[in-house]
Amino acid sequence: MGKALMAYFSIVLTLAAFTLSDSAPPTPFLLLQALLVGVWHGLIDGFANTADAVGDRAVGRRTLATWATPARNRAFLAVLIAAELLLTTGVIGLSSSPWWFMPALLPVVALRVGQVRDYRKSGDAALASRRCGHIHRLGAWGADRRELRHSSAEMDR
């Protein structure tokens, strides 16, 4: 439930911030970006819960990592990663995306591939969670900062 709420509020707050600043309805480009932010938050939470599963189980906290089998938990994380890659491809593939968007998100994709490779080798979910945070910040900075700058420049005209 926590992952769903975190993703929901990430999406809603991203849409609200841009919609209020531009006074326009959300575009497909913005909707995909908002979904991407929600998936990024879900990945951070998913890996953090995986890292904390033993302690959470000991105190009776219910998370996906505590009640699902390790294989199902890994499958859930794999689905989120696949969704992230599909959304990234979808955002980049939109004709309305700016020219700089693909170069801005390529490091995010490269870091995610490295994170998944390292997690598969080591199984260190805490490290994977920290890397999710770094990847999210890089993606949000690369994807949103230029868009905000572009929007505010248009408002100054």
C-alpha atoms as a PDB file:
ATOM      1  CA  MET A   1       0.000   0.000   0.000  1.00  0.00           C
ATOM      2  CA  GLY A   2       2.865   2.381   0.815  1.00  0.00           C
ATOM      3  CA  LYS A   3       4.365   1.987  -2.652  1.00  0.00           C
ATOM      4  CA  ALA A   4       1.033   2.780  -4.289  1.00  0.00           C
ATOM      5  CA  LEU A   5       0.526   5.889  -2.164  1.00  0.00           C
ATOM      6  CA  MET A   6       4.078   7.071  -2.745  1.00  0.00           C
ATOM      7  CA  ALA A   7       3.728   6.618  -6.508  1.00  0.00           C
ATOM      8  CA  TYR A   8       0.273   8.245  -6.514  1.00  0.00           C
ATOM      9  CA  PHE A   9       1.386  11.358  -4.650  1.00  0.00           C
ATOM     10  CA  SER A  10       4.569  11.607  -6.719  1.00  0.00           C
ATOM     11  CA  ILE A  11       2.504  11.594  -9.897  1.00  0.00           C
ATOM     12  CA  VAL A  12      -0.160  13.988  -8.596  1.00  0.00           C
ATOM     13  CA  LEU A  13       2.335  16.478  -7.176  1.00  0.00           C
ATOM     14  CA  THR A  14       4.402  16.449 -10.365  1.00  0.00           C
ATOM     15  CA  LEU A  15       1.302  17.092 -12.462  1.00  0.00           C
ATOM     16  CA  ALA A  16       0.034  19.769 -10.081  1.00  0.00           C
ATOM     17  CA  ALA A  17       3.323  21.662 -10.020  1.00  0.00           C
ATOM     18  CA  PHE A  18       3.611  21.855 -13.793  1.00  0.00           C
ATOM     19  CA  THR A  19      -0.095  22.415 -14.425  1.00  0.00           C
ATOM     20  CA  LEU A  20      -0.252  25.270 -11.916  1.00  0.00           C
ATOM     21  CA  SER A  21       2.943  26.874 -13.212  1.00  0.00           C
ATOM     22  CA  ASP A  22       1.872  26.704 -16.864  1.00  0.00           C
ATOM     23  CA  SER A  23      -1.897  27.182 -16.344  1.00  0.00           C
ATOM     24  CA  ALA A  24      -2.486  24.568 -19.022  1.00  0.00           C
ATOM     25  CA  PRO A  25      -3.779  21.005 -19.019  1.00  0.00           C
ATOM     26  CA  PRO A  26      -1.153  18.274 -18.807  1.00  0.00           C
ATOM     27  CA  THR A  27       0.335  17.101 -22.084  1.00  0.00           C
ATOM     28  CA  PRO A  28       1.127  13.437 -22.875  1.00  0.00           C
ATOM     29  CA  PHE A  29       4.802  14.352 -22.406  1.00  0.00           C
ATOM     30  CA  LEU A  30       4.091  15.655 -18.893  1.00  0.00           C
ATOM     31  CA  LEU A  31       1.895  12.657 -18.022  1.00  0.00           C
ATOM     32  CA  LEU A  32       4.683  10.235 -18.955  1.00  0.00           C
ATOM     33  CA  GLN A  33       7.186  12.269 -16.944  1.00  0.00           C
ATOM     34  CA  ALA A  34       4.876  12.192 -13.915  1.00  0.00           C
ATOM     35  CA  LEU A  35       4.465   8.425 -14.228  1.00  0.00           C
ATOM     36  CA  LEU A  36       8.239   8.093 -14.470  1.00  0.00           C
ATOM     37  CA  VAL A  37       8.689  10.055 -11.223  1.00  0.00           C
ATOM     38  CA  GLY A  38       6.135   7.764  -9.555  1.00  0.00           C
ATOM     39  CA  VAL A  39       7.977   4.654 -10.735  1.00  0.00           C
ATOM     40  CA  TRP A  40      11.285   6.094  -9.495  1.00  0.00           C
ATOM     41  CA  HIS A  41       9.777   6.586  -6.029  1.00  0.00           C
ATOM     42  CA  GLY A  42       8.355   3.071  -6.130  1.00  0.00           C
ATOM     43  CA  LEU A  43      11.796   1.670  -6.913  1.00  0.00           C
ATOM     44  CA  ILE A  44      13.416   3.549  -4.030  1.00  0.00           C
ATOM     45  CA  ASP A  45      10.749   2.239  -1.651  1.00  0.00           C
ATOM     46  CA  GLY A  46      10.877  -1.287  -3.088  1.00  0.00           C
ATOM     47  CA  PHE A  47      14.624  -1.675  -2.677  1.00  0.00           C
ATOM     48  CA  ALA A  48      14.553  -0.002   0.770  1.00  0.00           C
ATOM     49  CA  ASN A  49      11.854  -2.425   1.941  1.00  0.00           C
ATOM     50  CA  THR A  50      13.844  -5.335   0.521  1.00  0.00           C
ATOM     51  CA  ALA A  51      16.900  -4.188   2.474  1.00  0.00           C
ATOM     52  CA  ASP A  52      14.827  -3.828   5.672  1.00  0.00           C
ATOM     53  CA  ALA A  53      12.792  -7.029   5.272  1.00  0.00           C
ATOM     54  CA  VAL A  54      14.416  -8.946   8.157  1.00  0.00           C
ATOM     55  CA  GLY A  55      13.946  -6.098  10.638  1.00  0.00           C
ATOM     56  CA  ASP A  56      10.457  -5.303   9.369  1.00  0.00           C
ATOM     57  CA  ARG A  57       9.456  -8.954   9.704  1.00  0.00           C
ATOM     58  CA  ALA A  58      10.840  -9.041  13.264  1.00  0.00           C
ATOM     59  CA  VAL A  59       8.663  -6.109  14.384  1.00  0.00           C
ATOM     60  CA  GLY A  60       5.592  -7.225  12.436  1.00  0.00           C
ATOM     61  CA  ARG A  61       5.654  -4.487   9.796  1.00  0.00           C
ATOM     62  CA  ARG A  62       3.840  -5.546   6.634  1.00  0.00           C
ATOM     63  CA  THR A  63       5.572  -4.645   3.399  1.00  0.00           C
ATOM     64  CA  LEU A  64       5.734  -6.443   0.093  1.00  0.00           C
ATOM     65  CA  ALA A  65       9.208  -7.653   0.997  1.00  0.00           C
ATOM     66  CA  THR A  66       7.961  -9.204   4.264  1.00  0.00           C
ATOM     67  CA  TRP A  67       4.930 -11.071   3.004  1.00  0.00           C
ATOM     68  CA  ALA A  68       5.951 -11.998  -0.539  1.00  0.00           C
ATOM     69  CA  THR A  69       8.497 -14.649  -1.317  1.00  0.00           C
ATOM     70  CA  PRO A  70      11.925 -13.302  -2.285  1.00  0.00           C
ATOM     71  CA  ALA A  71      11.266 -14.430  -5.871  1.00  0.00           C
ATOM     72  CA  ARG A  72       7.971 -12.518  -6.028  1.00  0.00           C
ATOM     73  CA  ASN A  73       9.567  -9.439  -4.513  1.00  0.00           C
ATOM     74  CA  ARG A  74      12.339  -9.579  -7.127  1.00  0.00           C
ATOM     75  CA  ALA A  75       9.689 -10.032  -9.830  1.00  0.00           C
ATOM     76  CA  PHE A  76       7.874  -6.918  -8.577  1.00  0.00           C
ATOM     77  CA  LEU A  77      11.114  -4.922  -8.691  1.00  0.00           C
ATOM     78  CA  ALA A  78      11.799  -6.262 -12.195  1.00  0.00           C
ATOM     79  CA  VAL A  79       8.334  -5.110 -13.324  1.00  0.00           C
ATOM     80  CA  LEU A  80       9.019  -1.616 -11.948  1.00  0.00           C
ATOM     81  CA  ILE A  81      12.385  -1.484 -13.713  1.00  0.00           C
ATOM     82  CA  ALA A  82      10.804  -2.642 -16.982  1.00  0.00           C
ATOM     83  CA  ALA A  83       8.068  -0.011 -16.554  1.00  0.00           C
ATOM     84  CA  GLU A  84      10.742   2.628 -15.984  1.00  0.00           C
ATOM     85  CA  LEU A  85      12.573   1.672 -19.158  1.00  0.00           C
ATOM     86  CA  LEU A  86       9.330   1.601 -21.159  1.00  0.00           C
ATOM     87  CA  LEU A  87       8.266   5.003 -19.806  1.00  0.00           C
ATOM     88  CA  THR A  88      11.708   6.456 -20.516  1.00  0.00           C
ATOM     89  CA  THR A  89      11.516   5.146 -24.073  1.00  0.00           C
ATOM     90  CA  GLY A  90       7.971   6.476 -24.387  1.00  0.00           C
ATOM     91  CA  VAL A  91       8.919   9.915 -23.115  1.00  0.00           C
ATOM     92  CA  ILE A  92      11.934  10.098 -25.416  1.00  0.00           C
ATOM     93  CA  GLY A  93       9.905   8.783 -28.363  1.00  0.00           C
ATOM     94  CA  LEU A  94       7.210  11.432 -28.136  1.00  0.00           C
ATOM     95  CA  SER A  95       7.464  13.983 -30.877  1.00  0.00           C
ATOM     96  CA  SER A  96       6.703  16.696 -28.329  1.00  0.00           C
ATOM     97  CA  SER A  97       9.790  15.921 -26.259  1.00  0.00           C
ATOM     98  CA  PRO A  98      12.543  18.529 -26.541  1.00  0.00           C
ATOM     99  CA  TRP A  99      15.782  17.645 -28.326  1.00  0.00           C
ATOM    100  CA  TRP A 100      17.748  17.600 -25.068  1.00  0.00           C
ATOM    101  CA  PHE A 101      15.499  15.071 -23.345  1.00  0.00           C
ATOM    102  CA  MET A 102      17.165  11.933 -24.708  1.00  0.00           C
ATOM    103  CA  PRO A 103      20.698  13.042 -23.759  1.00  0.00           C
ATOM    104  CA  ALA A 104      19.366  14.069 -20.322  1.00  0.00           C
ATOM    105  CA  LEU A 105      17.880  10.624 -19.607  1.00  0.00           C
ATOM    106  CA  LEU A 106      20.573   8.405 -21.130  1.00  0.00           C
ATOM    107  CA  PRO A 107      22.724   8.589 -17.965  1.00  0.00           C
ATOM    108  CA  VAL A 108      19.663   7.513 -15.953  1.00  0.00           C
ATOM    109  CA  VAL A 109      19.214   4.431 -18.136  1.00  0.00           C
ATOM    110  CA  ALA A 110      22.938   3.618 -18.001  1.00  0.00           C
ATOM    111  CA  LEU A 111      23.005   3.936 -14.202  1.00  0.00           C
ATOM    112  CA  ARG A 112      19.878   1.777 -13.868  1.00  0.00           C
ATOM    113  CA  VAL A 113      21.445  -0.967 -15.974  1.00  0.00           C
ATOM    114  CA  GLY A 114      24.566  -0.808 -13.784  1.00  0.00           C
ATOM    115  CA  GLN A 115      22.471  -0.861 -10.622  1.00  0.00           C
ATOM    116  CA  VAL A 116      20.540  -3.935 -11.744  1.00  0.00           C
ATOM    117  CA  ARG A 117      23.763  -5.703 -12.762  1.00  0.00           C
ATOM    118  CA  ASP A 118      25.379  -4.963  -9.398  1.00  0.00           C
ATOM    119  CA  TYR A 119      22.261  -5.956  -7.447  1.00  0.00           C
ATOM    120  CA  ARG A 120      22.083  -9.263  -9.280  1.00  0.00           C
ATOM    121  CA  LYS A 121      25.740  -9.935  -8.409  1.00  0.00           C
ATOM    122  CA  SER A 122      25.761  -8.798  -4.769  1.00  0.00           C
ATOM    123  CA  GLY A 123      22.138  -8.907  -3.620  1.00  0.00           C
ATOM    124  CA  ASP A 124      22.815  -5.730  -1.602  1.00  0.00           C
ATOM    125  CA  ALA A 125      19.343  -4.128  -1.543  1.00  0.00           C
ATOM    126  CA  ALA A 126      20.495  -1.242   0.692  1.00  0.00           C
ATOM    127  CA  LEU A 127      23.082  -0.210  -1.894  1.00  0.00           C
ATOM    128  CA  ALA A 128      20.501  -0.637  -4.660  1.00  0.00           C
ATOM    129  CA  SER A 129      18.095   1.601  -2.723  1.00  0.00           C
ATOM    130  CA  ARG A 130      20.720   4.326  -2.311  1.00  0.00           C
ATOM    131  CA  ARG A 131      21.507   4.114  -6.018  1.00  0.00           C
ATOM    132  CA  CYS A 132      17.785   4.435  -6.786  1.00  0.00           C
ATOM    133  CA  GLY A 133      17.823   7.727  -4.884  1.00  0.00           C
ATOM    134  CA  HIS A 134      20.796   8.982  -6.873  1.00  0.00           C
ATOM    135  CA  ILE A 135      19.233   7.886 -10.154  1.00  0.00           C
ATOM    136  CA  HIS A 136      15.948   9.566  -9.240  1.00  0.00           C
ATOM    137  CA  ARG A 137      17.669  12.848  -8.392  1.00  0.00           C
ATOM    138  CA  LEU A 138      19.685  12.723 -11.606  1.00  0.00           C
ATOM    139  CA  GLY A 139      16.576  11.949 -13.660  1.00  0.00           C
ATOM    140  CA  ALA A 140      14.479  14.623 -11.990  1.00  0.00           C
ATOM    141  CA  TRP A 141      17.260  17.179 -12.392  1.00  0.00           C
ATOM    142  CA  GLY A 142      17.890  16.300 -16.017  1.00  0.00           C
ATOM    143  CA  ALA A 143      14.256  15.931 -17.008  1.00  0.00           C
ATOM    144  CA  ASP A 144      12.572  18.642 -14.979  1.00  0.00           C
ATOM    145  CA  ARG A 145      15.090  21.382 -14.380  1.00  0.00           C
ATOM    146  CA  ARG A 146      15.374  22.354 -18.037  1.00  0.00           C
ATOM    147  CA  GLU A 147      11.614  22.110 -18.456  1.00  0.00           C
ATOM    148  CA  LEU A 148      11.099  24.452 -15.510  1.00  0.00           C
ATOM    149  CA  ARG A 149      13.668  26.862 -16.901  1.00  0.00           C
ATOM    150  CA  HIS A 150      11.935  26.717 -20.307  1.00  0.00           C
ATOM    151  CA  SER A 151       8.504  27.358 -18.737  1.00  0.00           C
ATOM    152  CA  SER A 152       9.680  30.283 -16.625  1.00  0.00           C
ATOM    153  CA  ALA A 153      11.457  31.840 -19.625  1.00  0.00           C
ATOM    154  CA  GLU A 154       8.204  31.725 -21.580  1.00  0.00           C
ATOM    155  CA  MET A 155       6.326  33.330 -18.675  1.00  0.00           C
ATOM    156  CA  ASP A 156       8.821  36.225 -18.646  1.00  0.00           C
ATOM    157  CA  ARG A 157       7.987  37.106 -22.245  1.00  0.00           C
END
